[in-house]
Amino acid sequence: MARTELDYLVRRVPRGRRLKVRIDAVNGLEVLLPAGAPLRTAAAAVAELRPWIERELAAREALRARLREPGVVPYLDERLALVAEEGRARVHRRGAQLLVPTGEDARGAIERWYRRAARHEIGRRLDRASAASAVPYTRLTIRNQRTRWASCAGGAMSFNWRLLLAPERVLDYVIWHEVCHLEVADHSARFWGLLESRLPEWREPAGWLRENGAALVL
């Protein structure tokens, strides 16, 4: 049986020193290529690492299948049934259903809906946690980061919308993690002690995210 070609994205990294191959939750298989490296080295690296790539892709697909049901998307601790409607351009939630467009733009429309929902879900939880800590933040941004779930920089908070695909306790953990960074910027013993005092059960959702984070994609 002939082996199929692997689809991958090549990204030039101007300051990169060496070629890297990774499986990104947003873009799938990626080759990060230093500015001066010839393009053919990307294909050679993918060919060399193909056994590892196939194992990783299979493991991620199996994980995603374990967490997902056909025709259903997760939303924190809920499951929403996808209902396609002709002529619809914008996703709308109706109870336990998510009314979505038909055609190629359906996925993009669903992601835009999740981004809007994330601003609401994360915003109200963040306001509550910040008020309880008596440490304000300056602004909230919803993004689709490749390598992190959230960040805190100078009081500005950024969260990945894909956290809404995780259980609610995982979202709460990430929010408290970042709120604690408003007081302690690093991951020192003081930071972990602060997180422990604010969310004593943080270890379980943190472990869940490490184990299952790669499957949090639409």
N, C-alpha and C. Protein backbone atom coordinates (compact mmCIF):
# COMPACT_ATOMS: atom_id res chain seq x y z
N MET A 1 0.85 -1.19 0.00
CA MET A 1 0.00 0.00 0.00
C MET A 1 0.89 1.25 0.00
N ALA A 2 0.59 2.19 -0.89
CA ALA A 2 1.38 3.41 -0.98
C ALA A 2 1.15 4.30 0.24
N ARG A 3 2.22 4.93 0.67
CA ARG A 3 2.11 5.84 1.82
C ARG A 3 1.67 7.21 1.31
N THR A 4 0.70 7.81 2.03
CA THR A 4 0.22 9.13 1.64
C THR A 4 1.22 10.20 2.08
N GLU A 5 1.21 11.32 1.37
CA GLU A 5 2.06 12.44 1.74
C GLU A 5 1.54 13.11 3.00
N LEU A 6 2.45 13.61 3.80
CA LEU A 6 2.06 14.35 5.00
C LEU A 6 1.96 15.83 4.66
N ASP A 7 0.84 16.43 4.98
CA ASP A 7 0.67 17.86 4.79
C ASP A 7 1.33 18.60 5.94
N TYR A 8 2.10 19.61 5.63
CA TYR A 8 2.75 20.38 6.68
C TYR A 8 2.92 21.83 6.24
N LEU A 9 3.07 22.69 7.21
CA LEU A 9 3.25 24.11 6.98
C LEU A 9 4.69 24.49 7.30
N VAL A 10 5.32 25.25 6.43
CA VAL A 10 6.68 25.74 6.67
C VAL A 10 6.60 27.19 7.12
N ARG A 11 7.21 27.49 8.25
CA ARG A 11 7.26 28.87 8.73
C ARG A 11 8.71 29.28 8.91
N ARG A 12 9.07 30.39 8.31
CA ARG A 12 10.42 30.93 8.48
C ARG A 12 10.53 31.62 9.83
N VAL A 13 11.59 31.32 10.56
CA VAL A 13 11.85 31.94 11.85
C VAL A 13 13.14 32.74 11.72
N PRO A 14 13.05 34.05 11.55
CA PRO A 14 14.24 34.86 11.27
C PRO A 14 15.37 34.68 12.28
N ARG A 15 15.02 34.53 13.53
CA ARG A 15 16.05 34.39 14.57
C ARG A 15 16.31 32.94 14.96
N GLY A 16 15.68 32.02 14.26
CA GLY A 16 15.86 30.62 14.58
C GLY A 16 17.27 30.14 14.24
N ARG A 17 17.77 29.25 15.07
CA ARG A 17 19.12 28.72 14.86
C ARG A 17 19.12 27.31 14.28
N ARG A 18 18.02 26.60 14.49
CA ARG A 18 17.97 25.25 13.96
C ARG A 18 16.55 24.90 13.55
N LEU A 19 16.45 23.94 12.66
CA LEU A 19 15.15 23.50 12.17
C LEU A 19 14.39 22.75 13.28
N LYS A 20 13.10 22.99 13.37
CA LYS A 20 12.26 22.30 14.35
C LYS A 20 11.02 21.77 13.66
N VAL A 21 10.61 20.57 14.04
CA VAL A 21 9.36 19.99 13.56
C VAL A 21 8.46 19.82 14.77
N ARG A 22 7.24 20.33 14.65
CA ARG A 22 6.31 20.22 15.77
C ARG A 22 4.89 20.04 15.25
N ILE A 23 4.02 19.54 16.12
CA ILE A 23 2.62 19.40 15.79
C ILE A 23 1.87 20.44 16.60
N ASP A 24 1.34 21.43 15.90
CA ASP A 24 0.72 22.58 16.52
C ASP A 24 -0.79 22.38 16.58
N ALA A 25 -1.40 22.77 17.70
CA ALA A 25 -2.84 22.61 17.85
C ALA A 25 -3.62 23.46 16.87
N VAL A 26 -3.04 24.56 16.42
CA VAL A 26 -3.73 25.46 15.50
C VAL A 26 -3.46 25.08 14.05
N ASN A 27 -2.19 24.92 13.69
CA ASN A 27 -1.81 24.72 12.29
C ASN A 27 -1.48 23.28 11.92
N GLY A 28 -1.53 22.35 12.85
CA GLY A 28 -1.17 20.98 12.54
C GLY A 28 0.34 20.80 12.47
N LEU A 29 0.80 20.00 11.52
CA LEU A 29 2.23 19.72 11.38
C LEU A 29 2.94 20.94 10.83
N GLU A 30 3.97 21.40 11.56
CA GLU A 30 4.72 22.58 11.18
C GLU A 30 6.21 22.28 11.14
N VAL A 31 6.91 22.92 10.22
CA VAL A 31 8.36 22.92 10.20
C VAL A 31 8.81 24.36 10.38
N LEU A 32 9.55 24.62 11.45
CA LEU A 32 10.07 25.95 11.71
C LEU A 32 11.48 26.02 11.13
N LEU A 33 11.64 26.86 10.14
CA LEU A 33 12.86 26.87 9.34
C LEU A 33 13.64 28.16 9.58
N PRO A 34 14.92 28.05 9.96
CA PRO A 34 15.74 29.27 10.08
C PRO A 34 15.80 30.01 8.76
N ALA A 35 16.03 31.31 8.83
CA ALA A 35 15.96 32.17 7.64
C ALA A 35 16.86 31.68 6.51
N GLY A 36 18.04 31.20 6.80
CA GLY A 36 18.98 30.83 5.74
C GLY A 36 18.90 29.40 5.29
N ALA A 37 18.04 28.57 5.89
CA ALA A 37 17.98 27.15 5.54
C ALA A 37 17.21 26.95 4.24
N PRO A 38 17.70 26.09 3.33
CA PRO A 38 16.97 25.83 2.09
C PRO A 38 15.67 25.08 2.35
N LEU A 39 14.69 25.34 1.52
CA LEU A 39 13.35 24.76 1.70
C LEU A 39 13.37 23.24 1.68
N ARG A 40 14.29 22.66 0.91
CA ARG A 40 14.32 21.20 0.79
C ARG A 40 14.64 20.51 2.12
N THR A 41 15.26 21.24 3.05
CA THR A 41 15.56 20.62 4.34
C THR A 41 14.30 20.35 5.14
N ALA A 42 13.24 21.11 4.87
CA ALA A 42 11.96 20.86 5.56
C ALA A 42 11.40 19.50 5.16
N ALA A 43 11.38 19.24 3.85
CA ALA A 43 10.88 17.95 3.36
C ALA A 43 11.72 16.80 3.87
N ALA A 44 13.03 17.00 3.92
CA ALA A 44 13.93 15.95 4.41
C ALA A 44 13.68 15.66 5.88
N ALA A 45 13.44 16.70 6.67
CA ALA A 45 13.20 16.51 8.10
C ALA A 45 11.89 15.78 8.34
N VAL A 46 10.85 16.13 7.58
CA VAL A 46 9.56 15.45 7.71
C VAL A 46 9.69 13.98 7.34
N ALA A 47 10.44 13.70 6.29
CA ALA A 47 10.63 12.30 5.88
C ALA A 47 11.38 11.51 6.94
N GLU A 48 12.41 12.12 7.51
CA GLU A 48 13.20 11.44 8.54
C GLU A 48 12.40 11.17 9.80
N LEU A 49 11.54 12.13 10.17
CA LEU A 49 10.79 12.03 11.42
C LEU A 49 9.40 11.43 11.22
N ARG A 50 9.14 10.92 10.04
CA ARG A 50 7.79 10.44 9.74
C ARG A 50 7.25 9.41 10.75
N PRO A 51 8.03 8.42 11.17
CA PRO A 51 7.48 7.47 12.16
C PRO A 51 7.01 8.17 13.44
N TRP A 52 7.82 9.10 13.95
CA TRP A 52 7.42 9.85 15.16
C TRP A 52 6.19 10.70 14.89
N ILE A 53 6.15 11.36 13.73
CA ILE A 53 5.02 12.22 13.38
C ILE A 53 3.73 11.40 13.32
N GLU A 54 3.79 10.26 12.68
CA GLU A 54 2.58 9.43 12.56
C GLU A 54 2.11 8.93 13.91
N ARG A 55 3.04 8.56 14.78
CA ARG A 55 2.65 8.13 16.13
C ARG A 55 1.98 9.27 16.89
N GLU A 56 2.57 10.46 16.80
CA GLU A 56 2.01 11.61 17.50
C GLU A 56 0.63 11.98 16.96
N LEU A 57 0.48 11.99 15.65
CA LEU A 57 -0.81 12.33 15.07
C LEU A 57 -1.88 11.30 15.45
N ALA A 58 -1.51 10.03 15.45
CA ALA A 58 -2.46 8.98 15.83
C ALA A 58 -2.86 9.10 17.29
N ALA A 59 -1.88 9.39 18.15
CA ALA A 59 -2.17 9.53 19.57
C ALA A 59 -3.10 10.71 19.83
N ARG A 60 -2.86 11.82 19.13
CA ARG A 60 -3.71 12.99 19.30
C ARG A 60 -5.11 12.76 18.79
N GLU A 61 -5.22 12.05 17.67
CA GLU A 61 -6.54 11.75 17.13
C GLU A 61 -7.31 10.82 18.06
N ALA A 62 -6.62 9.85 18.63
CA ALA A 62 -7.26 8.94 19.57
C ALA A 62 -7.73 9.69 20.82
N LEU A 63 -6.90 10.62 21.28
CA LEU A 63 -7.27 11.43 22.44
C LEU A 63 -8.48 12.28 22.13
N ARG A 64 -8.47 12.91 20.96
CA ARG A 64 -9.60 13.75 20.57
C ARG A 64 -10.87 12.94 20.45
N ALA A 65 -10.78 11.73 19.87
CA ALA A 65 -11.95 10.88 19.72
C ALA A 65 -12.51 10.46 21.08
N ARG A 66 -11.61 10.26 22.04
CA ARG A 66 -12.06 9.88 23.39
C ARG A 66 -12.83 11.00 24.06
N LEU A 67 -12.45 12.24 23.75
CA LEU A 67 -13.08 13.39 24.40
C LEU A 67 -14.29 13.93 23.63
N ARG A 68 -14.45 13.52 22.40
CA ARG A 68 -15.48 14.11 21.55
C ARG A 68 -16.50 13.09 21.07
N GLU A 69 -17.70 13.59 20.74
CA GLU A 69 -18.74 12.78 20.13
C GLU A 69 -19.04 13.36 18.75
N PRO A 70 -19.38 12.54 17.76
CA PRO A 70 -19.70 13.06 16.43
C PRO A 70 -20.90 14.01 16.49
N GLY A 71 -20.78 15.14 15.81
CA GLY A 71 -21.89 16.07 15.75
C GLY A 71 -22.11 16.88 17.00
N VAL A 72 -21.14 16.82 17.92
CA VAL A 72 -21.28 17.51 19.21
C VAL A 72 -19.97 18.24 19.51
N VAL A 73 -20.06 19.43 20.08
CA VAL A 73 -18.87 20.15 20.51
C VAL A 73 -18.95 20.40 22.02
N PRO A 74 -17.80 20.35 22.70
CA PRO A 74 -17.81 20.63 24.13
C PRO A 74 -17.87 22.13 24.41
N TYR A 75 -18.51 22.47 25.50
CA TYR A 75 -18.56 23.85 25.96
C TYR A 75 -18.51 23.82 27.48
N LEU A 76 -17.29 23.93 28.02
CA LEU A 76 -17.07 23.75 29.46
C LEU A 76 -17.65 22.40 29.88
N ASP A 77 -18.60 22.37 30.80
CA ASP A 77 -19.13 21.08 31.26
C ASP A 77 -20.36 20.65 30.47
N GLU A 78 -20.66 21.34 29.38
CA GLU A 78 -21.82 21.01 28.57
C GLU A 78 -21.39 20.40 27.24
N ARG A 79 -22.36 19.83 26.54
CA ARG A 79 -22.16 19.32 25.19
C ARG A 79 -23.25 19.92 24.32
N LEU A 80 -22.83 20.57 23.22
CA LEU A 80 -23.77 21.24 22.34
C LEU A 80 -23.86 20.50 21.01
N ALA A 81 -25.07 20.18 20.59
CA ALA A 81 -25.29 19.49 19.32
C ALA A 81 -25.23 20.48 18.18
N LEU A 82 -24.46 20.15 17.14
CA LEU A 82 -24.34 21.01 15.97
C LEU A 82 -25.53 20.79 15.04
N VAL A 83 -26.23 21.88 14.71
CA VAL A 83 -27.38 21.82 13.81
C VAL A 83 -27.12 22.77 12.65
N ALA A 84 -26.88 22.24 11.47
CA ALA A 84 -26.59 23.07 10.29
C ALA A 84 -27.88 23.62 9.70
N GLU A 85 -27.84 24.92 9.37
CA GLU A 85 -29.02 25.57 8.78
C GLU A 85 -28.61 26.31 7.50
N GLU A 86 -29.31 26.05 6.41
CA GLU A 86 -29.04 26.73 5.15
C GLU A 86 -29.28 28.23 5.30
N GLY A 87 -28.40 29.03 4.71
CA GLY A 87 -28.57 30.47 4.73
C GLY A 87 -28.08 31.15 5.99
N ARG A 88 -27.67 30.40 6.97
CA ARG A 88 -27.19 31.01 8.21
C ARG A 88 -25.73 31.44 8.05
N ALA A 89 -25.41 32.64 8.51
CA ALA A 89 -24.04 33.15 8.42
C ALA A 89 -23.37 33.25 9.78
N ARG A 90 -24.13 33.37 10.83
CA ARG A 90 -23.59 33.58 12.17
C ARG A 90 -24.10 32.48 13.09
N VAL A 91 -23.21 31.93 13.90
CA VAL A 91 -23.58 30.85 14.82
C VAL A 91 -24.43 31.41 15.96
N HIS A 92 -25.43 30.65 16.33
CA HIS A 92 -26.32 31.05 17.43
C HIS A 92 -26.60 29.84 18.31
N ARG A 93 -26.55 30.05 19.62
CA ARG A 93 -26.88 28.96 20.54
C ARG A 93 -28.35 29.00 20.89
N ARG A 94 -28.98 27.83 20.85
CA ARG A 94 -30.38 27.68 21.27
C ARG A 94 -30.45 26.49 22.22
N GLY A 95 -30.40 26.79 23.50
CA GLY A 95 -30.41 25.73 24.50
C GLY A 95 -29.16 24.86 24.38
N ALA A 96 -29.37 23.57 24.17
CA ALA A 96 -28.25 22.63 24.04
C ALA A 96 -27.85 22.43 22.58
N GLN A 97 -28.33 23.31 21.69
CA GLN A 97 -27.99 23.22 20.28
C GLN A 97 -27.16 24.43 19.85
N LEU A 98 -26.29 24.19 18.88
CA LEU A 98 -25.51 25.26 18.28
C LEU A 98 -25.89 25.31 16.80
N LEU A 99 -26.61 26.36 16.42
CA LEU A 99 -27.06 26.50 15.05
C LEU A 99 -25.92 27.09 14.23
N VAL A 100 -25.48 26.37 13.21
CA VAL A 100 -24.27 26.74 12.47
C VAL A 100 -24.54 26.81 10.98
N PRO A 101 -23.70 27.57 10.24
CA PRO A 101 -23.85 27.62 8.78
C PRO A 101 -23.48 26.29 8.15
N THR A 102 -23.89 26.13 6.91
CA THR A 102 -23.45 24.98 6.12
C THR A 102 -22.24 25.41 5.29
N GLY A 103 -21.54 24.45 4.73
CA GLY A 103 -20.46 24.76 3.82
C GLY A 103 -19.12 24.93 4.50
N GLU A 104 -18.18 25.47 3.73
CA GLU A 104 -16.79 25.52 4.16
C GLU A 104 -16.54 26.50 5.30
N ASP A 105 -17.39 27.51 5.47
CA ASP A 105 -17.15 28.52 6.49
C ASP A 105 -17.67 28.13 7.86
N ALA A 106 -18.27 26.95 7.97
CA ALA A 106 -18.88 26.56 9.24
C ALA A 106 -17.86 26.56 10.38
N ARG A 107 -16.70 25.99 10.13
CA ARG A 107 -15.70 25.91 11.19
C ARG A 107 -15.25 27.30 11.64
N GLY A 108 -15.00 28.19 10.69
CA GLY A 108 -14.60 29.54 11.03
C GLY A 108 -15.67 30.26 11.82
N ALA A 109 -16.94 30.07 11.43
CA ALA A 109 -18.04 30.71 12.14
C ALA A 109 -18.16 30.17 13.56
N ILE A 110 -17.93 28.87 13.73
CA ILE A 110 -18.00 28.28 15.07
C ILE A 110 -16.88 28.85 15.95
N GLU A 111 -15.68 28.96 15.37
CA GLU A 111 -14.58 29.53 16.16
C GLU A 111 -14.88 30.96 16.55
N ARG A 112 -15.45 31.75 15.66
CA ARG A 112 -15.79 33.14 16.00
C ARG A 112 -16.81 33.19 17.12
N TRP A 113 -17.75 32.25 17.11
CA TRP A 113 -18.73 32.19 18.20
C TRP A 113 -18.04 31.86 19.52
N TYR A 114 -17.13 30.90 19.50
CA TYR A 114 -16.39 30.55 20.73
C TYR A 114 -15.58 31.74 21.24
N ARG A 115 -14.99 32.50 20.35
CA ARG A 115 -14.22 33.67 20.77
C ARG A 115 -15.12 34.68 21.49
N ARG A 116 -16.31 34.92 20.94
CA ARG A 116 -17.26 35.83 21.60
C ARG A 116 -17.69 35.28 22.95
N ALA A 117 -17.97 33.99 22.99
CA ALA A 117 -18.39 33.37 24.25
C ALA A 117 -17.26 33.40 25.28
N ALA A 118 -16.02 33.22 24.81
CA ALA A 118 -14.88 33.21 25.72
C ALA A 118 -14.72 34.56 26.41
N ARG A 119 -14.96 35.64 25.68
CA ARG A 119 -14.85 36.96 26.32
C ARG A 119 -15.84 37.08 27.48
N HIS A 120 -17.03 36.55 27.29
CA HIS A 120 -18.03 36.61 28.36
C HIS A 120 -17.67 35.67 29.50
N GLU A 121 -17.42 34.40 29.19
CA GLU A 121 -17.16 33.40 30.22
C GLU A 121 -15.90 33.73 31.02
N ILE A 122 -14.84 34.08 30.31
CA ILE A 122 -13.58 34.37 30.98
C ILE A 122 -13.64 35.70 31.69
N GLY A 123 -14.27 36.69 31.05
CA GLY A 123 -14.35 38.02 31.63
C GLY A 123 -15.00 38.03 33.00
N ARG A 124 -16.13 37.35 33.14
CA ARG A 124 -16.83 37.39 34.43
C ARG A 124 -16.08 36.60 35.50
N ARG A 125 -15.44 35.51 35.11
CA ARG A 125 -14.66 34.75 36.09
C ARG A 125 -13.40 35.53 36.50
N LEU A 126 -12.80 36.17 35.53
CA LEU A 126 -11.60 36.95 35.80
C LEU A 126 -11.93 38.13 36.72
N ASP A 127 -13.03 38.79 36.47
CA ASP A 127 -13.45 39.91 37.33
C ASP A 127 -13.64 39.44 38.76
N ARG A 128 -14.26 38.28 38.91
CA ARG A 128 -14.54 37.74 40.24
C ARG A 128 -13.24 37.38 40.96
N ALA A 129 -12.33 36.70 40.26
CA ALA A 129 -11.07 36.29 40.88
C ALA A 129 -10.20 37.50 41.21
N SER A 130 -10.17 38.47 40.31
CA SER A 130 -9.38 39.68 40.55
C SER A 130 -9.92 40.45 41.74
N ALA A 131 -11.24 40.55 41.86
CA ALA A 131 -11.84 41.26 42.99
C ALA A 131 -11.55 40.53 44.29
N ALA A 132 -11.61 39.20 44.27
CA ALA A 132 -11.33 38.43 45.48
C ALA A 132 -9.88 38.59 45.92
N SER A 133 -8.99 38.78 44.95
CA SER A 133 -7.57 38.97 45.26
C SER A 133 -7.21 40.41 45.56
N ALA A 134 -8.14 41.32 45.25
CA ALA A 134 -7.91 42.76 45.44
C ALA A 134 -6.73 43.26 44.61
N VAL A 135 -6.49 42.60 43.46
CA VAL A 135 -5.44 43.03 42.54
C VAL A 135 -6.08 43.19 41.16
N PRO A 136 -6.17 44.42 40.65
CA PRO A 136 -6.85 44.63 39.37
C PRO A 136 -5.98 44.26 38.17
N TYR A 137 -6.64 43.94 37.08
CA TYR A 137 -5.93 43.77 35.81
C TYR A 137 -6.30 44.94 34.90
N THR A 138 -5.55 45.14 33.83
CA THR A 138 -5.77 46.31 32.99
C THR A 138 -6.66 46.04 31.79
N ARG A 139 -6.51 44.89 31.15
CA ARG A 139 -7.36 44.57 30.01
C ARG A 139 -7.37 43.06 29.77
N LEU A 140 -8.35 42.63 29.01
CA LEU A 140 -8.51 41.22 28.67
C LEU A 140 -8.52 41.06 27.16
N THR A 141 -7.70 40.13 26.67
CA THR A 141 -7.64 39.81 25.24
C THR A 141 -7.90 38.32 25.06
N ILE A 142 -8.72 37.98 24.06
CA ILE A 142 -8.98 36.58 23.71
C ILE A 142 -8.20 36.27 22.44
N ARG A 143 -7.38 35.22 22.50
CA ARG A 143 -6.53 34.88 21.36
C ARG A 143 -6.59 33.39 21.05
N ASN A 144 -5.76 32.99 20.11
CA ASN A 144 -5.63 31.58 19.73
C ASN A 144 -4.15 31.23 19.74
N GLN A 145 -3.53 31.37 20.92
CA GLN A 145 -2.09 31.16 21.03
C GLN A 145 -1.72 29.73 20.65
N ARG A 146 -0.55 29.60 20.06
CA ARG A 146 -0.07 28.27 19.66
C ARG A 146 0.49 27.48 20.83
N THR A 147 1.22 28.15 21.71
CA THR A 147 2.02 27.41 22.69
C THR A 147 1.62 27.65 24.14
N ARG A 148 0.64 28.49 24.38
CA ARG A 148 0.25 28.73 25.77
C ARG A 148 -1.25 28.94 25.88
N TRP A 149 -1.74 28.75 27.08
CA TRP A 149 -3.17 28.88 27.33
C TRP A 149 -3.55 30.28 27.81
N ALA A 150 -2.60 30.96 28.42
CA ALA A 150 -2.89 32.29 28.93
C ALA A 150 -1.58 32.98 29.26
N SER A 151 -1.66 34.29 29.47
CA SER A 151 -0.47 35.03 29.88
C SER A 151 -0.91 36.28 30.63
N CYS A 152 0.02 36.79 31.44
CA CYS A 152 -0.20 38.01 32.20
C CYS A 152 1.06 38.85 32.06
N ALA A 153 0.90 40.05 31.50
CA ALA A 153 2.06 40.92 31.30
C ALA A 153 1.68 42.35 31.67
N GLY A 154 2.23 42.84 32.76
CA GLY A 154 1.94 44.20 33.19
C GLY A 154 0.49 44.45 33.48
N GLY A 155 -0.21 43.44 33.94
CA GLY A 155 -1.63 43.58 34.25
C GLY A 155 -2.55 43.27 33.08
N ALA A 156 -2.00 43.12 31.88
CA ALA A 156 -2.80 42.77 30.70
C ALA A 156 -2.94 41.25 30.64
N MET A 157 -4.16 40.77 30.55
CA MET A 157 -4.44 39.34 30.58
C MET A 157 -4.85 38.85 29.19
N SER A 158 -4.28 37.73 28.78
CA SER A 158 -4.61 37.13 27.49
C SER A 158 -4.95 35.66 27.71
N PHE A 159 -6.07 35.21 27.15
CA PHE A 159 -6.51 33.82 27.31
C PHE A 159 -6.85 33.21 25.96
N ASN A 160 -6.60 31.93 25.86
CA ASN A 160 -6.88 31.16 24.65
C ASN A 160 -8.36 30.76 24.65
N TRP A 161 -9.07 31.05 23.57
CA TRP A 161 -10.49 30.72 23.51
C TRP A 161 -10.74 29.22 23.61
N ARG A 162 -9.74 28.41 23.24
CA ARG A 162 -9.93 26.96 23.26
C ARG A 162 -10.09 26.39 24.68
N LEU A 163 -9.87 27.23 25.69
CA LEU A 163 -10.14 26.79 27.06
C LEU A 163 -11.61 26.47 27.26
N LEU A 164 -12.49 27.01 26.42
CA LEU A 164 -13.90 26.70 26.53
C LEU A 164 -14.22 25.28 26.08
N LEU A 165 -13.24 24.62 25.44
CA LEU A 165 -13.42 23.22 25.06
C LEU A 165 -13.05 22.28 26.21
N ALA A 166 -12.52 22.83 27.28
CA ALA A 166 -12.10 22.05 28.44
C ALA A 166 -13.18 22.09 29.52
N PRO A 167 -13.11 21.21 30.51
CA PRO A 167 -14.05 21.29 31.63
C PRO A 167 -13.92 22.62 32.37
N GLU A 168 -14.99 23.01 33.04
CA GLU A 168 -15.04 24.30 33.70
C GLU A 168 -13.94 24.45 34.76
N ARG A 169 -13.63 23.38 35.46
CA ARG A 169 -12.61 23.46 36.51
C ARG A 169 -11.24 23.78 35.92
N VAL A 170 -11.01 23.38 34.67
CA VAL A 170 -9.74 23.68 34.01
C VAL A 170 -9.65 25.17 33.69
N LEU A 171 -10.74 25.73 33.19
CA LEU A 171 -10.77 27.17 32.93
C LEU A 171 -10.56 27.95 34.22
N ASP A 172 -11.22 27.54 35.28
CA ASP A 172 -11.06 28.23 36.57
C ASP A 172 -9.61 28.17 37.05
N TYR A 173 -8.97 27.02 36.86
CA TYR A 173 -7.56 26.89 37.26
C TYR A 173 -6.68 27.87 36.49
N VAL A 174 -6.86 27.94 35.17
CA VAL A 174 -6.02 28.83 34.36
C VAL A 174 -6.24 30.28 34.75
N ILE A 175 -7.48 30.65 35.02
CA ILE A 175 -7.76 32.02 35.44
C ILE A 175 -7.07 32.34 36.76
N TRP A 176 -7.19 31.45 37.73
CA TRP A 176 -6.53 31.70 39.02
C TRP A 176 -5.01 31.71 38.88
N HIS A 177 -4.49 30.87 38.02
CA HIS A 177 -3.05 30.85 37.77
C HIS A 177 -2.58 32.24 37.32
N GLU A 178 -3.31 32.81 36.36
CA GLU A 178 -2.91 34.12 35.84
C GLU A 178 -3.17 35.24 36.84
N VAL A 179 -4.25 35.15 37.60
CA VAL A 179 -4.52 36.16 38.62
C VAL A 179 -3.42 36.17 39.67
N CYS A 180 -2.91 35.00 40.02
CA CYS A 180 -1.79 34.95 40.96
C CYS A 180 -0.55 35.60 40.38
N HIS A 181 -0.42 35.57 39.06
CA HIS A 181 0.72 36.24 38.42
C HIS A 181 0.61 37.76 38.52
N LEU A 182 -0.56 38.29 38.80
CA LEU A 182 -0.68 39.73 39.04
C LEU A 182 0.10 40.13 40.29
N GLU A 183 0.29 39.18 41.20
CA GLU A 183 1.02 39.45 42.44
C GLU A 183 2.45 38.91 42.39
N VAL A 184 2.63 37.75 41.76
CA VAL A 184 3.96 37.14 41.68
C VAL A 184 4.20 36.77 40.22
N ALA A 185 5.15 37.42 39.58
CA ALA A 185 5.34 37.27 38.13
C ALA A 185 5.95 35.93 37.74
N ASP A 186 6.76 35.34 38.62
CA ASP A 186 7.48 34.12 38.26
C ASP A 186 6.76 32.88 38.80
N HIS A 187 7.42 31.72 38.64
CA HIS A 187 6.87 30.47 39.16
C HIS A 187 7.70 30.01 40.36
N SER A 188 7.98 30.92 41.23
CA SER A 188 8.75 30.62 42.44
C SER A 188 7.87 29.88 43.45
N ALA A 189 8.49 29.45 44.53
CA ALA A 189 7.73 28.78 45.60
C ALA A 189 6.64 29.71 46.15
N ARG A 190 6.93 31.00 46.15
CA ARG A 190 5.92 31.97 46.62
C ARG A 190 4.69 31.95 45.73
N PHE A 191 4.91 31.85 44.41
CA PHE A 191 3.78 31.80 43.49
C PHE A 191 2.92 30.56 43.76
N TRP A 192 3.56 29.38 43.83
CA TRP A 192 2.78 28.16 44.02
C TRP A 192 2.09 28.14 45.37
N GLY A 193 2.70 28.74 46.37
CA GLY A 193 2.03 28.85 47.66
C GLY A 193 0.81 29.74 47.58
N LEU A 194 0.90 30.83 46.82
CA LEU A 194 -0.23 31.72 46.64
C LEU A 194 -1.36 31.02 45.91
N LEU A 195 -1.01 30.29 44.84
CA LEU A 195 -2.03 29.55 44.10
C LEU A 195 -2.70 28.50 44.98
N GLU A 196 -1.92 27.84 45.80
CA GLU A 196 -2.46 26.84 46.72
C GLU A 196 -3.47 27.46 47.68
N SER A 197 -3.19 28.67 48.14
CA SER A 197 -4.11 29.33 49.08
C SER A 197 -5.39 29.79 48.40
N ARG A 198 -5.30 30.11 47.10
CA ARG A 198 -6.48 30.60 46.38
C ARG A 198 -7.29 29.45 45.78
N LEU A 199 -6.60 28.39 45.33
CA LEU A 199 -7.27 27.27 44.68
C LEU A 199 -6.58 25.97 45.11
N PRO A 200 -6.91 25.45 46.30
CA PRO A 200 -6.21 24.27 46.83
C PRO A 200 -6.25 23.05 45.92
N GLU A 201 -7.29 22.95 45.08
CA GLU A 201 -7.43 21.77 44.22
C GLU A 201 -6.86 21.97 42.83
N TRP A 202 -5.89 22.86 42.67
CA TRP A 202 -5.37 23.23 41.35
C TRP A 202 -4.64 22.10 40.64
N ARG A 203 -4.09 21.16 41.36
CA ARG A 203 -3.26 20.13 40.73
C ARG A 203 -4.03 19.24 39.76
N GLU A 204 -5.25 18.89 40.11
CA GLU A 204 -6.02 17.99 39.23
C GLU A 204 -6.34 18.63 37.89
N PRO A 205 -6.91 19.85 37.85
CA PRO A 205 -7.14 20.46 36.54
C PRO A 205 -5.87 20.78 35.77
N ALA A 206 -4.80 21.11 36.49
CA ALA A 206 -3.52 21.36 35.81
C ALA A 206 -3.03 20.08 35.13
N GLY A 207 -3.17 18.96 35.80
CA GLY A 207 -2.79 17.68 35.21
C GLY A 207 -3.68 17.31 34.03
N TRP A 208 -4.96 17.59 34.15
CA TRP A 208 -5.88 17.31 33.04
C TRP A 208 -5.47 18.09 31.81
N LEU A 209 -5.11 19.35 31.98
CA LEU A 209 -4.74 20.19 30.84
C LEU A 209 -3.44 19.71 30.20
N ARG A 210 -2.48 19.29 31.01
CA ARG A 210 -1.23 18.75 30.46
C ARG A 210 -1.50 17.50 29.63
N GLU A 211 -2.38 16.66 30.10
CA GLU A 211 -2.64 15.38 29.44
C GLU A 211 -3.52 15.52 28.21
N ASN A 212 -4.49 16.43 28.27
CA ASN A 212 -5.52 16.49 27.23
C ASN A 212 -5.51 17.76 26.39
N GLY A 213 -4.64 18.70 26.71
CA GLY A 213 -4.64 19.98 26.01
C GLY A 213 -4.53 19.88 24.51
N ALA A 214 -3.75 18.92 24.03
CA ALA A 214 -3.54 18.78 22.58
C ALA A 214 -4.82 18.44 21.84
N ALA A 215 -5.82 17.91 22.55
CA ALA A 215 -7.07 17.51 21.91
C ALA A 215 -8.11 18.62 21.90
N LEU A 216 -7.79 19.77 22.47
CA LEU A 216 -8.77 20.86 22.56
C LEU A 216 -8.75 21.68 21.26
N VAL A 217 -9.27 21.07 20.23
CA VAL A 217 -9.41 21.71 18.92
C VAL A 217 -10.77 21.36 18.36
N LEU A 218 -11.27 22.21 17.47
CA LEU A 218 -12.57 21.92 16.84
C LEU A 218 -12.39 20.88 15.73
